[in-house]
Protein backbone atom coordinates (compact mmCIF):
# COMPACT_ATOMS: atom_id res chain seq x y z
CA MET A 1 0.00 0.00 0.00
CA MET A 2 1.44 3.34 -1.04
CA ALA A 3 1.70 6.08 1.55
CA GLY A 4 -1.17 8.53 1.30
CA ASP A 5 -3.11 6.19 -0.99
CA GLY A 6 -4.78 4.02 1.65
CA GLU A 7 -8.33 4.77 0.54
CA SER A 8 -7.58 3.35 -2.93
CA TYR A 9 -6.84 -0.12 -1.51
CA LYS A 10 -9.20 -2.62 0.05
CA ALA A 11 -8.19 -5.36 2.46
CA ILE A 12 -9.31 -8.79 1.23
CA ALA A 13 -8.25 -11.92 3.14
CA GLY A 14 -5.29 -9.97 4.54
CA ALA A 15 -4.17 -8.83 1.08
CA TRP A 16 -4.34 -5.27 -0.28
CA ILE A 17 -6.15 -4.85 -3.60
CA HIS A 18 -6.35 -1.54 -5.43
CA VAL A 19 -9.83 -0.46 -6.48
CA GLY A 20 -8.50 -0.11 -10.02
CA ALA A 21 -7.47 -3.78 -10.20
CA HIS A 22 -9.64 -6.57 -11.61
CA LEU A 23 -9.56 -10.11 -10.25
CA GLU A 24 -11.46 -12.90 -11.98
CA GLY A 25 -13.06 -15.81 -10.16
CA GLY A 26 -11.14 -18.36 -8.17
CA VAL A 27 -8.14 -16.15 -7.30
CA THR A 28 -6.44 -17.12 -4.03
CA LEU A 29 -4.87 -14.36 -1.92
CA GLU A 30 -2.47 -14.98 0.94
CA PRO A 31 -1.89 -12.35 3.67
CA GLY A 32 0.28 -9.42 2.67
CA ALA A 33 -0.15 -9.81 -1.09
CA VAL A 34 -0.52 -6.49 -2.94
CA VAL A 35 -2.26 -5.91 -6.27
CA GLY A 36 -1.81 -2.41 -7.68
CA PRO A 37 -3.90 -0.30 -10.05
CA ASP A 38 -4.42 -1.32 -13.68
CA VAL A 39 -3.74 -4.99 -12.93
CA HIS A 40 -5.83 -7.85 -14.32
CA ILE A 41 -5.50 -11.18 -12.53
CA GLY A 42 -6.90 -14.17 -14.42
CA ARG A 43 -9.04 -16.99 -13.12
CA GLY A 44 -7.46 -19.46 -10.73
CA CYS A 45 -4.28 -17.49 -9.96
CA HIS A 46 -2.63 -17.87 -6.55
CA LEU A 47 -0.82 -14.90 -4.99
CA GLY A 48 1.47 -15.95 -2.16
CA ALA A 49 2.22 -14.00 1.00
CA HIS A 50 3.81 -10.61 0.32
CA SER A 51 3.89 -11.10 -3.42
CA VAL A 52 3.31 -7.91 -5.40
CA VAL A 53 1.83 -7.19 -8.84
CA TYR A 54 2.23 -3.65 -10.14
CA GLY A 55 0.38 -2.33 -13.17
CA PRO A 56 -0.21 -2.01 -15.96
CA THR A 57 0.01 -5.80 -15.91
CA VAL A 58 -2.15 -8.65 -17.23
CA LEU A 59 -1.89 -12.17 -15.80
CA GLY A 60 -3.64 -15.01 -17.56
CA GLU A 61 -5.18 -18.01 -15.83
CA GLY A 62 -3.66 -20.39 -13.31
CA ASN A 63 -0.47 -18.47 -12.51
CA ARG A 64 1.12 -19.07 -9.11
CA LEU A 65 3.17 -16.47 -7.27
CA TYR A 66 5.20 -17.54 -4.24
CA PRO A 67 6.14 -15.24 -1.34
CA GLY A 68 8.14 -12.18 -2.27
CA ALA A 69 7.68 -12.40 -6.04
CA VAL A 70 7.34 -8.95 -7.63
CA LEU A 71 5.82 -8.68 -11.11
CA GLY A 72 5.32 -5.54 -13.18
CA GLY A 73 7.75 -3.25 -11.41
CA PRO A 74 9.05 -0.28 -13.43
CA PRO A 75 11.97 -0.98 -15.77
CA GLN A 76 15.40 -0.84 -14.16
CA ASP A 77 16.52 1.83 -16.60
CA VAL A 78 18.13 5.07 -15.41
CA GLY A 79 16.40 6.90 -18.27
CA TYR A 80 12.90 5.81 -17.26
CA ARG A 81 10.68 8.75 -16.33
CA GLY A 82 7.42 7.06 -15.43
CA GLU A 83 6.05 6.58 -18.96
CA PRO A 84 3.18 4.06 -19.29
CA THR A 85 4.55 0.60 -20.12
CA ARG A 86 3.17 -2.94 -19.69
CA LEU A 87 3.77 -6.50 -18.64
CA GLU A 88 1.71 -9.30 -20.19
CA ILE A 89 1.80 -12.85 -18.82
CA GLY A 90 0.11 -15.97 -20.17
CA ASP A 91 -1.22 -18.99 -18.28
CA ARG A 92 0.04 -21.56 -15.76
CA ASN A 93 3.38 -19.95 -14.99
CA VAL A 94 5.14 -20.47 -11.66
CA PHE A 95 7.03 -17.58 -10.04
CA ARG A 96 8.97 -18.80 -7.02
CA GLU A 97 10.27 -16.77 -4.09
CA GLY A 98 11.90 -13.46 -4.93
CA VAL A 99 11.32 -13.58 -8.69
CA THR A 100 11.28 -10.13 -10.32
CA ILE A 101 9.97 -9.29 -13.79
CA SER A 102 9.99 -5.70 -15.03
CA ARG A 103 7.56 -3.90 -17.30
CA GLY A 104 8.72 -2.63 -20.67
CA SER A 105 10.47 0.66 -21.34
CA PRO A 106 9.73 3.47 -23.82
CA LYS A 107 13.05 2.71 -25.55
CA SER A 108 11.47 -0.33 -27.21
CA HIS A 109 7.88 -1.57 -27.55
CA GLY A 110 7.01 -0.58 -23.99
CA LEU A 111 6.11 -4.22 -23.30
CA THR A 112 7.60 -7.22 -21.52
CA ARG A 113 5.93 -10.50 -22.54
CA ILE A 114 5.86 -13.84 -20.74
CA GLY A 115 4.16 -16.81 -22.39
CA SER A 116 2.65 -19.88 -20.72
CA ASP A 117 3.84 -22.91 -18.73
CA ASN A 118 7.15 -21.37 -17.68
CA TYR A 119 8.89 -22.04 -14.38
CA PHE A 120 10.85 -19.21 -12.76
CA MET A 121 12.83 -20.47 -9.77
CA ALA A 122 13.80 -18.39 -6.74
CA ASN A 123 15.46 -15.01 -7.32
CA SER A 124 15.48 -15.27 -11.11
CA HIS A 125 14.95 -12.02 -13.02
CA VAL A 126 13.61 -10.97 -16.43
CA GLY A 127 14.46 -7.44 -17.51
CA HIS A 128 12.38 -4.87 -19.35
CA ASP A 129 11.28 -5.35 -22.95
CA SER A 130 12.22 -9.02 -22.91
CA VAL A 131 10.19 -11.89 -24.32
CA VAL A 132 9.99 -15.33 -22.72
CA GLU A 133 7.96 -17.72 -24.86
CA ASP A 134 6.47 -20.99 -23.55
CA CYS A 135 7.78 -23.94 -21.49
CA CYS A 136 11.01 -22.24 -20.39
CA ILE A 137 12.82 -22.93 -17.10
CA LEU A 138 14.91 -20.32 -15.30
CA ALA A 139 16.67 -21.93 -12.35
CA ASN A 140 17.67 -20.11 -9.16
CA ALA A 141 19.29 -16.70 -9.71
CA ALA A 142 19.15 -16.91 -13.52
CA LEU A 143 19.35 -13.38 -14.90
CA VAL A 144 17.86 -12.16 -18.18
CA ALA A 145 18.82 -8.60 -19.11
CA GLY A 146 16.61 -6.16 -20.96
CA HIS A 147 15.57 -6.63 -24.59
CA CYS A 148 16.31 -10.38 -24.57
CA HIS A 149 14.31 -13.14 -26.24
CA LEU A 150 13.95 -16.68 -24.91
CA GLU A 151 12.31 -18.96 -27.43
CA ARG A 152 10.22 -22.01 -26.54
CA GLY A 153 11.75 -24.62 -24.23
CA VAL A 154 14.84 -22.67 -23.15
CA ASN A 155 16.52 -23.91 -19.97
CA MET A 156 18.83 -21.63 -17.96
CA ALA A 157 20.62 -23.36 -15.09
CA GLY A 158 21.37 -21.77 -11.72
CA GLY A 159 23.41 -18.58 -11.62
CA THR A 160 23.41 -18.04 -15.40
CA ALA A 161 23.19 -14.63 -17.05
CA ILE A 162 22.66 -13.27 -20.57
CA VAL A 163 23.42 -9.71 -21.64
CA GLN A 164 20.95 -7.31 -23.22
CA PHE A 165 19.63 -8.03 -26.72
CA THR A 166 20.60 -11.71 -26.51
CA THR A 167 18.38 -14.36 -28.10
CA MET A 168 18.34 -17.95 -26.87
CA GLY A 169 16.97 -20.28 -29.53
CA LYS A 170 14.32 -22.89 -28.81
CA TYR A 171 15.26 -25.85 -26.61
CA SER A 172 18.71 -24.46 -25.93
CA PHE A 173 20.42 -24.97 -22.57
CA LEU A 174 22.82 -22.69 -20.69
CA GLY A 175 24.89 -24.47 -18.05
CA GLY A 176 25.22 -23.37 -14.42
CA LEU A 177 27.17 -20.19 -13.63
CA ALA A 178 27.77 -19.60 -17.33
CA GLY A 179 27.12 -16.37 -19.20
CA ALA A 180 26.24 -15.57 -22.80
CA ARG A 181 27.36 -12.39 -24.54
CA GLN A 182 26.14 -13.59 -27.92
CA ASP A 183 23.05 -15.39 -29.15
CA VAL A 184 22.65 -19.04 -28.18
CA GLU A 185 21.70 -21.30 -31.08
CA PRO A 186 18.54 -23.41 -30.87
CA PHE A 187 18.69 -27.09 -29.89
CA LEU A 188 22.23 -26.80 -28.46
CA ILE A 189 23.89 -27.07 -25.06
CA TYR A 190 26.04 -24.10 -24.07
CA ASP A 191 28.30 -24.28 -21.03
CA ARG A 192 31.47 -22.89 -19.53
CA VAL A 193 34.85 -23.80 -20.90
CA THR A 194 37.69 -24.01 -18.38
CA GLY A 195 38.78 -20.55 -17.25
CA ASP A 196 36.07 -18.65 -19.09
CA SER A 197 32.59 -17.82 -17.81
CA ASN A 198 31.41 -17.06 -21.37
CA ALA A 199 29.61 -20.15 -22.60
CA ALA A 200 30.46 -22.11 -25.74
CA ALA A 201 28.51 -24.66 -27.78
CA LEU A 202 29.21 -28.18 -26.51
CA GLY A 203 26.66 -30.37 -28.25
CA VAL A 204 23.03 -31.03 -29.07
CA ASN A 205 20.47 -30.86 -26.24
CA ARG A 206 19.30 -34.42 -26.83
CA VAL A 207 17.55 -34.90 -23.48
CA ALA A 208 15.31 -31.86 -23.91
CA LEU A 209 14.54 -32.71 -27.52
CA ARG A 210 13.51 -36.26 -26.64
CA ARG A 211 11.35 -35.03 -23.80
CA ALA A 212 9.69 -32.58 -26.21
CA GLY A 213 8.89 -35.40 -28.61
CA PHE A 214 11.36 -34.71 -31.41
CA PRO A 215 11.96 -37.82 -33.55
CA GLU A 216 15.33 -39.51 -33.22
CA GLU A 217 16.07 -38.85 -36.88
CA SER A 218 15.80 -35.09 -36.33
CA ILE A 219 18.20 -35.32 -33.40
CA LEU A 220 20.70 -37.25 -35.51
CA HIS A 221 20.49 -34.61 -38.24
CA LEU A 222 21.12 -31.86 -35.67
CA ARG A 223 24.16 -33.77 -34.37
CA GLU A 224 25.51 -33.95 -37.92
CA ALA A 225 24.97 -30.19 -38.32
CA TYR A 226 26.73 -29.55 -35.01
CA LYS A 227 29.76 -31.54 -36.13
CA VAL A 228 30.04 -29.53 -39.33
CA LEU A 229 29.52 -26.14 -37.70
CA TYR A 230 31.39 -26.47 -34.42
CA ILE A 231 33.83 -29.37 -34.68
CA ARG A 232 34.94 -28.96 -38.29
CA LYS A 233 34.29 -25.22 -37.85
CA CYS A 234 32.95 -24.75 -41.34
CA ARG A 235 31.59 -21.21 -41.12
CA LYS A 236 30.57 -20.53 -44.71
CA LEU A 237 26.91 -21.30 -44.49
CA GLU A 238 26.55 -21.94 -48.21
CA GLU A 239 29.08 -24.74 -47.91
CA VAL A 240 27.47 -26.08 -44.75
CA TRP A 241 24.07 -26.07 -46.42
CA LYS A 242 25.35 -28.00 -49.47
CA LEU A 243 27.28 -30.51 -47.36
CA LEU A 244 24.30 -31.28 -45.12
CA GLU A 245 22.05 -31.51 -48.15
CA GLN A 246 24.37 -34.10 -49.66
CA LYS A 247 24.22 -36.06 -46.41
CA GLY A 248 20.41 -35.93 -46.40
CA ALA A 249 20.49 -34.05 -43.08
CA LEU A 250 18.63 -30.85 -44.02
CA SER A 251 15.67 -31.43 -41.72
CA SER A 252 13.40 -28.55 -40.73
CA GLU A 253 15.25 -28.30 -37.40
CA VAL A 254 18.63 -28.08 -39.15
CA ARG A 255 17.30 -25.41 -41.48
CA GLU A 256 16.09 -23.46 -38.45
CA LEU A 257 19.52 -23.80 -36.83
CA LEU A 258 21.30 -22.58 -39.96
CA GLU A 259 18.94 -19.63 -40.35
CA PHE A 260 19.57 -18.69 -36.73
CA VAL A 261 23.33 -18.83 -37.32
CA ARG A 262 22.92 -16.62 -40.39
CA ARG A 263 21.09 -13.95 -38.38
CA LYS A 264 23.67 -14.21 -35.60
CA GLN A 265 26.53 -13.68 -38.02
CA ALA A 266 24.77 -10.70 -39.57
CA GLY A 267 23.95 -9.10 -36.22
CA ARG A 268 26.13 -6.73 -34.26
CA PHE A 269 28.37 -8.45 -31.67
CA GLY A 270 26.85 -11.82 -32.59
CA ARG A 271 23.38 -10.73 -31.53
CA GLN A 272 20.62 -10.65 -34.13
CA LEU A 273 18.20 -7.78 -34.37
CA ASP A 274 15.37 -7.69 -31.83
CA ARG A 275 12.57 -9.85 -33.26
CA ALA A 276 10.18 -9.42 -30.34
């Protein structure tokens, strides 16, 4: 509850709800939870003790906030001057203790977007203007800077961090305590190399792909593409494309990987243009 604004909040089940907020049916409120103005909470959400949702923010259905989670706070940008920006969240996400997700900033689209079925473990953070698609996992203390894009199925292990404007491709994995200063290709495992916290490609993320239902043939084709790109270090994509075509390994997943690499090579500092 903001100082001097007590009349704008109502106490419900020990929580404080702004009169300008809208809660659909079946929302559970634990004591100390705060819902600010211009917030829409979808059906079946659960707001844990002392969790906070600032607006403008929209939560879909079935989201669960654990104690101390703060969603929709203003962007952590020294140039922010209170302009109206938004946070939009899909369905069935889990936000564990101490998770923070910022609204967008006027420097971009003014919008931070979170999809559905994501799991944000304790003290993880998503910065302003970022996009997290569906079925992603951010382990404890994983840090996503502003203007980043996590595609479907991304997995960031504990203590990882990616710099601003970084894209992690679908079903990619970033190993514990590693960082990424450039885009992370889809379907691959990135992890630390001895003596360097900046992650490098170490193989195909076979476990995640099998769990997601990718056929074994597609995984084999991706492994062949990985060998050509990162073991043989053939960086001319035209040659890579022809070689994989000759091997019969140009599956749709391999084509997606090669297109991602093309954008990465064309982008500044190994980071493709914001596609959010």
